[in-house]
N, C-alpha and C. Protein backbone atom coordinates (compact mmCIF):
# COMPACT_ATOMS: atom_id res chain seq x y z
N MET A 1 123.48 131.87 88.21
CA MET A 1 124.11 130.72 87.61
C MET A 1 123.04 129.91 86.89
N ASN A 2 123.28 129.55 85.65
CA ASN A 2 122.38 128.71 84.86
C ASN A 2 122.58 127.25 85.25
N VAL A 3 121.45 126.58 85.54
CA VAL A 3 121.53 125.18 85.97
C VAL A 3 120.55 124.32 85.20
N ILE A 4 120.90 123.06 85.12
CA ILE A 4 120.00 122.02 84.65
C ILE A 4 119.69 121.17 85.87
N VAL A 5 118.43 120.89 86.11
CA VAL A 5 118.03 120.13 87.28
C VAL A 5 117.68 118.71 86.84
N ILE A 6 118.26 117.75 87.54
CA ILE A 6 117.94 116.34 87.28
C ILE A 6 117.22 115.81 88.51
N TYR A 7 115.99 115.35 88.29
CA TYR A 7 115.24 114.69 89.37
C TYR A 7 115.50 113.20 89.23
N HIS A 8 116.07 112.63 90.27
CA HIS A 8 116.40 111.20 90.24
C HIS A 8 115.55 110.49 91.29
N HIS A 9 114.76 109.53 90.82
CA HIS A 9 113.91 108.75 91.73
C HIS A 9 114.26 107.28 91.56
N PRO A 10 115.18 106.77 92.40
CA PRO A 10 115.58 105.36 92.27
C PRO A 10 114.41 104.42 92.51
N GLN A 11 114.35 103.35 91.76
CA GLN A 11 113.24 102.42 91.90
C GLN A 11 113.51 101.35 92.94
N GLU A 12 114.76 101.07 93.25
CA GLU A 12 115.05 99.97 94.16
C GLU A 12 115.59 100.44 95.51
N CYS A 13 116.57 101.29 95.50
CA CYS A 13 117.09 101.74 96.79
C CYS A 13 117.58 103.18 96.66
N GLY A 14 117.61 103.86 97.76
CA GLY A 14 118.03 105.26 97.76
C GLY A 14 116.83 106.18 97.81
N SER A 15 117.11 107.42 98.15
CA SER A 15 116.06 108.43 98.27
C SER A 15 115.99 109.28 97.01
N PRO A 16 114.80 109.77 96.68
CA PRO A 16 114.71 110.69 95.54
C PRO A 16 115.40 112.02 95.88
N TYR A 17 115.97 112.62 94.86
CA TYR A 17 116.64 113.91 95.07
C TYR A 17 116.68 114.69 93.77
N VAL A 18 116.94 115.99 93.88
CA VAL A 18 117.18 116.83 92.72
C VAL A 18 118.64 117.25 92.75
N ALA A 19 119.27 117.16 91.60
CA ALA A 19 120.67 117.57 91.47
C ALA A 19 120.71 118.81 90.58
N PHE A 20 121.39 119.84 91.06
CA PHE A 20 121.56 121.07 90.30
C PHE A 20 122.92 120.99 89.60
N ILE A 21 122.90 120.99 88.27
CA ILE A 21 124.10 120.84 87.45
C ILE A 21 124.39 122.17 86.78
N SER A 22 125.61 122.66 86.92
CA SER A 22 126.02 123.90 86.29
C SER A 22 126.05 123.71 84.77
N GLN A 23 125.41 124.63 84.06
CA GLN A 23 125.40 124.55 82.61
C GLN A 23 126.79 124.88 82.04
N GLU A 24 127.55 125.67 82.74
CA GLU A 24 128.87 126.08 82.25
C GLU A 24 129.93 125.00 82.43
N THR A 25 129.95 124.37 83.61
CA THR A 25 131.00 123.39 83.89
C THR A 25 130.54 121.94 83.75
N GLY A 26 129.23 121.70 83.84
CA GLY A 26 128.72 120.34 83.78
C GLY A 26 128.86 119.57 85.08
N GLU A 27 129.29 120.24 86.13
CA GLU A 27 129.46 119.59 87.43
C GLU A 27 128.26 119.84 88.32
N MET A 28 128.04 118.90 89.24
CA MET A 28 126.93 119.04 90.17
C MET A 28 127.28 120.12 91.21
N VAL A 29 126.41 121.10 91.30
CA VAL A 29 126.60 122.20 92.24
C VAL A 29 126.02 121.83 93.61
N GLU A 30 124.86 121.17 93.57
CA GLU A 30 124.17 120.86 94.82
C GLU A 30 123.17 119.73 94.58
N ALA A 31 122.92 118.94 95.60
CA ALA A 31 121.89 117.90 95.57
C ALA A 31 121.01 118.06 96.80
N VAL A 32 119.71 118.00 96.60
CA VAL A 32 118.76 118.16 97.70
C VAL A 32 117.80 116.98 97.69
N ASP A 33 117.66 116.31 98.84
CA ASP A 33 116.73 115.20 98.98
C ASP A 33 115.29 115.69 98.90
N ILE A 34 114.46 114.90 98.25
CA ILE A 34 113.02 115.18 98.16
C ILE A 34 112.31 114.13 99.02
N PRO A 35 111.62 114.56 100.08
CA PRO A 35 110.97 113.59 100.98
C PRO A 35 109.73 112.97 100.35
N ASP A 36 109.26 111.90 100.94
CA ASP A 36 108.00 111.28 100.55
C ASP A 36 106.84 112.11 101.09
N GLY A 37 105.67 111.93 100.50
CA GLY A 37 104.48 112.55 101.04
C GLY A 37 103.93 113.69 100.23
N TYR A 38 104.29 113.80 98.96
CA TYR A 38 103.79 114.91 98.14
C TYR A 38 102.26 114.96 98.13
N TYR A 39 101.60 113.82 97.96
CA TYR A 39 100.15 113.80 97.84
C TYR A 39 99.40 113.54 99.15
N ASN A 40 100.11 113.29 100.26
CA ASN A 40 99.34 112.97 101.48
C ASN A 40 99.90 113.57 102.77
N SER A 41 101.06 114.17 102.76
CA SER A 41 101.61 114.71 104.00
C SER A 41 100.75 115.88 104.49
N GLY A 42 100.38 115.84 105.74
CA GLY A 42 99.52 116.86 106.33
C GLY A 42 98.06 116.49 106.32
N SER A 43 97.72 115.37 105.71
CA SER A 43 96.34 114.91 105.67
C SER A 43 96.04 114.14 106.95
N VAL A 44 95.01 114.57 107.64
CA VAL A 44 94.65 113.96 108.92
C VAL A 44 93.25 113.35 108.80
N LEU A 45 93.14 112.10 109.17
CA LEU A 45 91.87 111.39 109.12
C LEU A 45 91.12 111.57 110.44
N THR A 46 89.87 111.99 110.35
CA THR A 46 89.01 112.11 111.52
C THR A 46 87.82 111.20 111.31
N LYS A 47 87.56 110.34 112.28
CA LYS A 47 86.42 109.43 112.19
C LYS A 47 85.38 109.86 113.21
N THR A 48 84.12 109.87 112.77
CA THR A 48 83.02 110.15 113.68
C THR A 48 82.10 108.94 113.70
N TYR A 49 81.54 108.68 114.86
CA TYR A 49 80.67 107.53 115.05
C TYR A 49 79.30 108.00 115.52
N THR A 50 78.28 107.60 114.77
CA THR A 50 76.90 107.94 115.13
C THR A 50 76.21 106.67 115.61
N PRO A 51 75.83 106.60 116.90
CA PRO A 51 75.17 105.39 117.41
C PRO A 51 73.79 105.20 116.76
N VAL A 52 73.52 103.94 116.39
CA VAL A 52 72.24 103.58 115.79
C VAL A 52 71.39 102.83 116.82
N TYR A 53 72.01 101.89 117.48
CA TYR A 53 71.32 101.18 118.56
C TYR A 53 72.37 100.67 119.54
N SER A 54 71.91 100.28 120.73
CA SER A 54 72.79 99.77 121.78
C SER A 54 72.27 98.42 122.27
N PHE A 55 73.19 97.64 122.83
CA PHE A 55 72.79 96.36 123.41
C PHE A 55 73.82 95.98 124.48
N VAL A 56 73.43 94.99 125.28
CA VAL A 56 74.32 94.48 126.33
C VAL A 56 74.60 93.02 126.00
N GLU A 57 75.86 92.65 126.07
CA GLU A 57 76.27 91.28 125.76
C GLU A 57 77.04 90.71 126.95
N LYS A 58 76.82 89.46 127.24
CA LYS A 58 77.55 88.77 128.32
C LYS A 58 78.81 88.16 127.71
N VAL A 59 79.96 88.39 128.33
CA VAL A 59 81.21 87.81 127.82
C VAL A 59 81.84 86.94 128.91
N ASN A 60 82.65 86.02 128.43
CA ASN A 60 83.40 85.14 129.32
C ASN A 60 84.78 85.01 128.68
N GLN A 61 85.80 85.55 129.32
CA GLN A 61 87.13 85.54 128.73
C GLN A 61 88.21 85.45 129.78
N ARG A 62 89.40 85.11 129.34
CA ARG A 62 90.53 84.86 130.22
C ARG A 62 91.12 86.13 130.82
N PRO A 63 91.57 87.12 130.07
CA PRO A 63 92.03 88.30 130.79
C PRO A 63 90.84 89.07 131.33
N ILE A 64 91.03 89.76 132.40
CA ILE A 64 89.94 90.54 132.97
C ILE A 64 89.46 91.53 131.91
N PRO A 65 88.16 91.58 131.63
CA PRO A 65 87.66 92.42 130.54
C PRO A 65 87.83 93.91 130.83
N THR A 66 88.36 94.61 129.84
CA THR A 66 88.43 96.07 129.86
C THR A 66 87.87 96.56 128.53
N VAL A 67 87.63 97.84 128.42
CA VAL A 67 87.08 98.40 127.18
C VAL A 67 88.01 98.13 126.01
N GLU A 68 89.32 98.08 126.24
CA GLU A 68 90.29 97.89 125.17
C GLU A 68 90.44 96.43 124.74
N ASN A 69 90.27 95.46 125.67
CA ASN A 69 90.61 94.07 125.31
C ASN A 69 89.41 93.12 125.21
N VAL A 70 88.22 93.60 125.44
CA VAL A 70 87.06 92.71 125.43
C VAL A 70 86.76 92.26 124.00
N THR A 71 86.37 90.99 123.87
CA THR A 71 86.01 90.42 122.57
C THR A 71 84.52 90.15 122.57
N ILE A 72 83.80 90.91 121.74
CA ILE A 72 82.35 90.71 121.66
C ILE A 72 82.04 89.84 120.45
N THR A 73 81.01 88.99 120.57
CA THR A 73 80.68 88.07 119.48
C THR A 73 79.87 88.73 118.38
N SER A 74 79.21 89.83 118.65
CA SER A 74 78.34 90.46 117.65
C SER A 74 79.12 90.93 116.43
N ARG A 75 80.38 91.25 116.56
CA ARG A 75 81.13 91.73 115.41
C ARG A 75 81.45 90.60 114.43
N PHE A 76 81.25 89.36 114.84
CA PHE A 76 81.53 88.23 113.95
C PHE A 76 80.29 87.75 113.20
N TYR A 77 79.11 88.22 113.59
CA TYR A 77 77.89 87.82 112.91
C TYR A 77 77.69 88.63 111.64
N HIS A 78 76.71 88.22 110.83
CA HIS A 78 76.39 88.91 109.58
C HIS A 78 76.06 90.38 109.89
N ASN A 79 76.70 91.28 109.18
CA ASN A 79 76.55 92.71 109.43
C ASN A 79 76.31 93.43 108.10
N PRO A 80 75.09 93.33 107.52
CA PRO A 80 74.86 93.87 106.17
C PRO A 80 74.99 95.39 106.08
N LYS A 81 74.75 96.11 107.15
CA LYS A 81 74.84 97.57 107.11
C LYS A 81 76.21 98.09 107.50
N LYS A 82 77.15 97.18 107.75
CA LYS A 82 78.55 97.53 108.06
C LYS A 82 78.67 98.46 109.28
N TYR A 83 77.93 98.12 110.32
CA TYR A 83 78.05 98.90 111.54
C TYR A 83 79.39 98.63 112.21
N VAL A 84 79.85 99.62 112.94
CA VAL A 84 81.06 99.48 113.74
C VAL A 84 80.59 99.33 115.18
N PHE A 85 81.08 98.30 115.86
CA PHE A 85 80.65 98.05 117.24
C PHE A 85 81.68 98.63 118.20
N ARG A 86 81.22 99.50 119.07
CA ARG A 86 82.10 100.17 120.02
C ARG A 86 81.66 99.85 121.44
N VAL A 87 82.59 99.35 122.23
CA VAL A 87 82.30 99.04 123.64
C VAL A 87 82.32 100.36 124.41
N THR A 88 81.25 100.62 125.15
CA THR A 88 81.16 101.87 125.89
C THR A 88 81.38 101.69 127.39
N LYS A 89 80.99 100.51 127.92
CA LYS A 89 81.08 100.32 129.37
C LYS A 89 81.07 98.83 129.68
N ILE A 90 81.68 98.47 130.79
CA ILE A 90 81.67 97.08 131.25
C ILE A 90 81.17 97.07 132.70
N ASP A 91 80.17 96.23 132.95
CA ASP A 91 79.57 96.12 134.29
C ASP A 91 79.68 94.69 134.79
N ASN A 92 79.41 94.54 136.08
CA ASN A 92 79.21 93.23 136.69
C ASN A 92 80.36 92.25 136.40
N ILE A 93 81.59 92.68 136.59
CA ILE A 93 82.76 91.82 136.36
C ILE A 93 82.88 90.86 137.54
N GLN A 94 82.92 89.55 137.22
CA GLN A 94 83.04 88.54 138.26
C GLN A 94 84.03 87.47 137.81
N GLU A 95 84.75 86.92 138.78
CA GLU A 95 85.68 85.84 138.46
C GLU A 95 84.92 84.52 138.49
N ASP A 96 85.16 83.68 137.47
CA ASP A 96 84.53 82.37 137.38
C ASP A 96 85.64 81.33 137.46
N THR A 97 85.67 80.58 138.56
CA THR A 97 86.75 79.60 138.77
C THR A 97 86.27 78.16 138.60
N SER A 98 85.13 77.95 137.93
CA SER A 98 84.57 76.61 137.82
C SER A 98 85.51 75.65 137.07
N ILE A 99 86.07 76.02 135.95
CA ILE A 99 87.00 75.15 135.23
C ILE A 99 88.37 75.79 135.19
N PHE A 100 88.45 76.92 134.53
CA PHE A 100 89.67 77.72 134.47
C PHE A 100 89.36 79.06 135.09
N PRO A 101 90.34 79.72 135.60
CA PRO A 101 90.05 81.08 136.09
C PRO A 101 89.74 82.00 134.90
N THR A 102 88.48 82.36 134.76
CA THR A 102 88.05 83.28 133.71
C THR A 102 87.22 84.38 134.34
N TRP A 103 86.84 85.34 133.53
CA TRP A 103 86.06 86.47 134.01
C TRP A 103 84.79 86.59 133.18
N THR A 104 83.68 86.87 133.85
CA THR A 104 82.43 87.15 133.14
C THR A 104 82.08 88.61 133.38
N ALA A 105 81.40 89.19 132.42
CA ALA A 105 81.02 90.61 132.54
C ALA A 105 79.90 90.93 131.58
N ASP A 106 79.19 92.00 131.88
CA ASP A 106 78.18 92.55 130.98
C ASP A 106 78.84 93.70 130.22
N VAL A 107 78.80 93.59 128.91
CA VAL A 107 79.46 94.59 128.07
C VAL A 107 78.38 95.41 127.35
N HIS A 108 78.46 96.72 127.50
CA HIS A 108 77.53 97.63 126.83
C HIS A 108 78.18 98.05 125.50
N VAL A 109 77.43 97.83 124.41
CA VAL A 109 77.97 98.05 123.07
C VAL A 109 77.04 98.98 122.29
N ASP A 110 77.65 99.91 121.53
CA ASP A 110 76.91 100.75 120.60
C ASP A 110 77.23 100.29 119.19
N ALA A 111 76.19 100.06 118.38
CA ALA A 111 76.38 99.82 116.95
C ALA A 111 76.32 101.18 116.28
N CYS A 112 77.39 101.54 115.58
CA CYS A 112 77.52 102.90 115.05
C CYS A 112 77.76 102.90 113.54
N ILE A 113 77.40 104.02 112.95
CA ILE A 113 77.76 104.29 111.57
C ILE A 113 79.04 105.13 111.63
N GLU A 114 80.05 104.66 110.91
CA GLU A 114 81.34 105.35 110.92
C GLU A 114 81.47 106.24 109.68
N LYS A 115 81.87 107.48 109.89
CA LYS A 115 82.13 108.39 108.77
C LYS A 115 83.56 108.89 108.90
N SER A 116 84.28 108.84 107.78
CA SER A 116 85.67 109.28 107.75
C SER A 116 85.76 110.59 106.97
N ARG A 117 86.58 111.50 107.49
CA ARG A 117 86.77 112.79 106.82
C ARG A 117 88.25 113.16 106.95
N TYR A 118 88.82 113.61 105.85
CA TYR A 118 90.20 114.06 105.85
C TYR A 118 90.22 115.59 105.87
N HIS A 119 91.17 116.14 106.63
CA HIS A 119 91.39 117.58 106.60
C HIS A 119 92.90 117.83 106.66
N TYR A 120 93.29 119.03 106.30
CA TYR A 120 94.70 119.38 106.22
C TYR A 120 95.17 120.03 107.51
N SER A 121 96.34 119.60 107.98
CA SER A 121 96.97 120.20 109.15
C SER A 121 98.39 120.62 108.76
N SER A 122 98.63 121.91 108.75
CA SER A 122 99.96 122.39 108.36
C SER A 122 101.03 121.96 109.37
N ARG A 123 100.64 121.75 110.62
CA ARG A 123 101.61 121.30 111.63
C ARG A 123 102.10 119.88 111.35
N LYS A 124 101.29 119.06 110.68
CA LYS A 124 101.67 117.68 110.40
C LYS A 124 102.19 117.48 108.98
N ASP A 125 102.36 118.56 108.23
CA ASP A 125 102.84 118.48 106.86
C ASP A 125 104.37 118.43 106.85
N LYS A 126 104.91 117.22 107.02
CA LYS A 126 106.36 117.04 107.08
C LYS A 126 107.02 117.29 105.73
N PHE A 127 106.33 116.99 104.65
CA PHE A 127 106.88 117.22 103.30
C PHE A 127 107.18 118.71 103.12
N ARG A 128 106.22 119.54 103.41
CA ARG A 128 106.39 120.99 103.26
C ARG A 128 107.46 121.53 104.20
N LYS A 129 107.45 121.08 105.44
CA LYS A 129 108.45 121.55 106.41
C LYS A 129 109.86 121.18 106.00
N GLN A 130 110.04 119.96 105.51
CA GLN A 130 111.39 119.51 105.15
C GLN A 130 111.92 120.27 103.93
N LEU A 131 111.06 120.52 102.95
CA LEU A 131 111.52 121.28 101.79
C LEU A 131 111.77 122.75 102.13
N THR A 132 110.98 123.31 103.03
CA THR A 132 111.23 124.68 103.48
C THR A 132 112.57 124.75 104.19
N LYS A 133 112.85 123.76 105.02
CA LYS A 133 114.13 123.68 105.74
C LYS A 133 115.31 123.56 104.76
N SER A 134 115.09 122.91 103.62
CA SER A 134 116.14 122.76 102.61
C SER A 134 116.35 124.02 101.79
N GLY A 135 115.48 125.02 101.94
CA GLY A 135 115.67 126.30 101.26
C GLY A 135 114.69 126.59 100.15
N PHE A 136 113.72 125.73 99.91
CA PHE A 136 112.73 125.98 98.85
C PHE A 136 111.63 126.88 99.37
N ASP A 137 111.06 127.68 98.49
CA ASP A 137 109.93 128.54 98.83
C ASP A 137 108.65 127.72 98.74
N MET A 138 108.12 127.35 99.88
CA MET A 138 106.91 126.52 99.94
C MET A 138 105.73 127.32 100.48
N SER A 139 105.76 128.64 100.33
CA SER A 139 104.76 129.50 100.95
C SER A 139 103.32 129.19 100.53
N HIS A 140 103.08 128.83 99.29
CA HIS A 140 101.69 128.55 98.89
C HIS A 140 101.48 127.09 98.50
N TRP A 141 102.38 126.22 98.91
CA TRP A 141 102.28 124.81 98.52
C TRP A 141 101.71 123.94 99.64
N ASN A 142 100.50 124.26 100.08
CA ASN A 142 99.84 123.37 101.04
C ASN A 142 99.34 122.13 100.30
N LEU A 143 98.77 121.19 101.01
CA LEU A 143 98.35 119.92 100.42
C LEU A 143 97.32 120.11 99.31
N ASN A 144 96.36 121.01 99.50
CA ASN A 144 95.33 121.21 98.47
C ASN A 144 95.94 121.69 97.16
N ASN A 145 96.89 122.60 97.21
CA ASN A 145 97.55 123.07 95.98
C ASN A 145 98.42 121.99 95.36
N ARG A 146 99.07 121.18 96.20
CA ARG A 146 99.90 120.11 95.66
C ARG A 146 99.05 119.05 94.96
N MET A 147 97.87 118.75 95.50
CA MET A 147 97.02 117.72 94.90
C MET A 147 96.50 118.15 93.53
N LYS A 148 96.43 119.45 93.27
CA LYS A 148 95.96 119.96 91.98
C LYS A 148 97.09 120.06 90.95
N THR A 149 98.34 119.92 91.40
CA THR A 149 99.49 120.13 90.53
C THR A 149 100.25 118.82 90.33
N PRO A 150 100.52 118.43 89.08
CA PRO A 150 101.36 117.25 88.86
C PRO A 150 102.74 117.44 89.49
N PHE A 151 103.30 116.36 89.97
CA PHE A 151 104.54 116.41 90.74
C PHE A 151 105.68 117.09 89.98
N MET A 152 105.87 116.75 88.71
CA MET A 152 106.98 117.33 87.95
C MET A 152 106.79 118.83 87.74
N GLU A 153 105.56 119.30 87.57
CA GLU A 153 105.31 120.74 87.47
C GLU A 153 105.64 121.43 88.79
N PHE A 154 105.29 120.79 89.88
CA PHE A 154 105.62 121.32 91.20
C PHE A 154 107.13 121.45 91.36
N LEU A 155 107.87 120.38 91.01
CA LEU A 155 109.33 120.42 91.14
C LEU A 155 109.93 121.52 90.27
N GLN A 156 109.43 121.67 89.07
CA GLN A 156 109.95 122.70 88.18
C GLN A 156 109.70 124.09 88.78
N GLU A 157 108.54 124.27 89.37
CA GLU A 157 108.20 125.56 89.97
C GLU A 157 109.11 125.89 91.15
N ILE A 158 109.29 124.94 92.07
CA ILE A 158 110.11 125.27 93.25
C ILE A 158 111.59 125.35 92.90
N CYS A 159 112.05 124.56 91.93
CA CYS A 159 113.47 124.61 91.55
C CYS A 159 113.80 125.88 90.79
N SER A 160 112.82 126.46 90.09
CA SER A 160 113.07 127.70 89.35
C SER A 160 113.27 128.89 90.28
N LYS A 161 112.82 128.78 91.52
CA LYS A 161 112.96 129.88 92.49
C LYS A 161 113.94 129.53 93.60
N TYR A 162 114.76 128.53 93.38
CA TYR A 162 115.68 128.07 94.41
C TYR A 162 116.98 128.88 94.35
N LYS A 163 117.32 129.50 95.45
CA LYS A 163 118.54 130.31 95.61
C LYS A 163 118.68 131.30 94.46
N ASP A 164 119.86 131.44 93.93
CA ASP A 164 120.08 132.37 92.82
C ASP A 164 120.29 131.63 91.51
N TYR A 165 119.81 130.39 91.43
CA TYR A 165 119.96 129.59 90.23
C TYR A 165 118.92 130.00 89.19
N HIS A 166 119.32 129.90 87.93
CA HIS A 166 118.40 130.15 86.82
C HIS A 166 118.18 128.81 86.12
N LEU A 167 116.97 128.29 86.24
CA LEU A 167 116.64 126.96 85.70
C LEU A 167 116.54 127.02 84.18
N ILE A 168 117.35 126.22 83.52
CA ILE A 168 117.34 126.13 82.05
C ILE A 168 116.46 124.97 81.61
N ASN A 169 116.60 123.82 82.25
CA ASN A 169 115.84 122.64 81.88
C ASN A 169 115.76 121.69 83.07
N MET A 170 114.76 120.81 83.03
CA MET A 170 114.59 119.81 84.08
C MET A 170 114.46 118.45 83.44
N ILE A 171 115.17 117.48 83.99
CA ILE A 171 115.17 116.11 83.47
C ILE A 171 114.77 115.17 84.60
N SER A 172 113.99 114.15 84.28
CA SER A 172 113.59 113.17 85.28
C SER A 172 114.22 111.81 84.94
N ILE A 173 114.83 111.19 85.92
CA ILE A 173 115.43 109.86 85.76
C ILE A 173 114.84 108.94 86.82
N GLY A 174 114.46 107.75 86.42
CA GLY A 174 114.01 106.77 87.42
C GLY A 174 112.65 106.26 87.21
């Protein structure tokens, strides 16, 4: 069946979709939703921290200090090298009831250099999985290939191999 494909991407509300229109009758044969995430689905951020130096800081705070909730003052001072401060351990936790019930502790902190790296995970590529589930051939469309291909070229490619339709033309609206 010869079809014209209309890609509709609403600007205000609604989801993007492709509509397959029969060239013979002019009626819509099928509409398939296109999910978000063409340029980033499956991209996983991994951060690594390299310690540069360590120090111990005394804290005094209301909730009992833990690695997750402790507030260290060093992160508020001038930090020209943009170090990331990571709490590694808390020692010597004591309750101080002199004015208000607070807690004092020795906090061990590492000043680290943070490096971010992105890598592709096919298990987390929801865009590819959803289009495969809809019936499109996504066999070689991992994130790296999608990033090299403009979106409309990608749509034209997958729509030309969709079911037994013969793509005549593609139109974009929105």
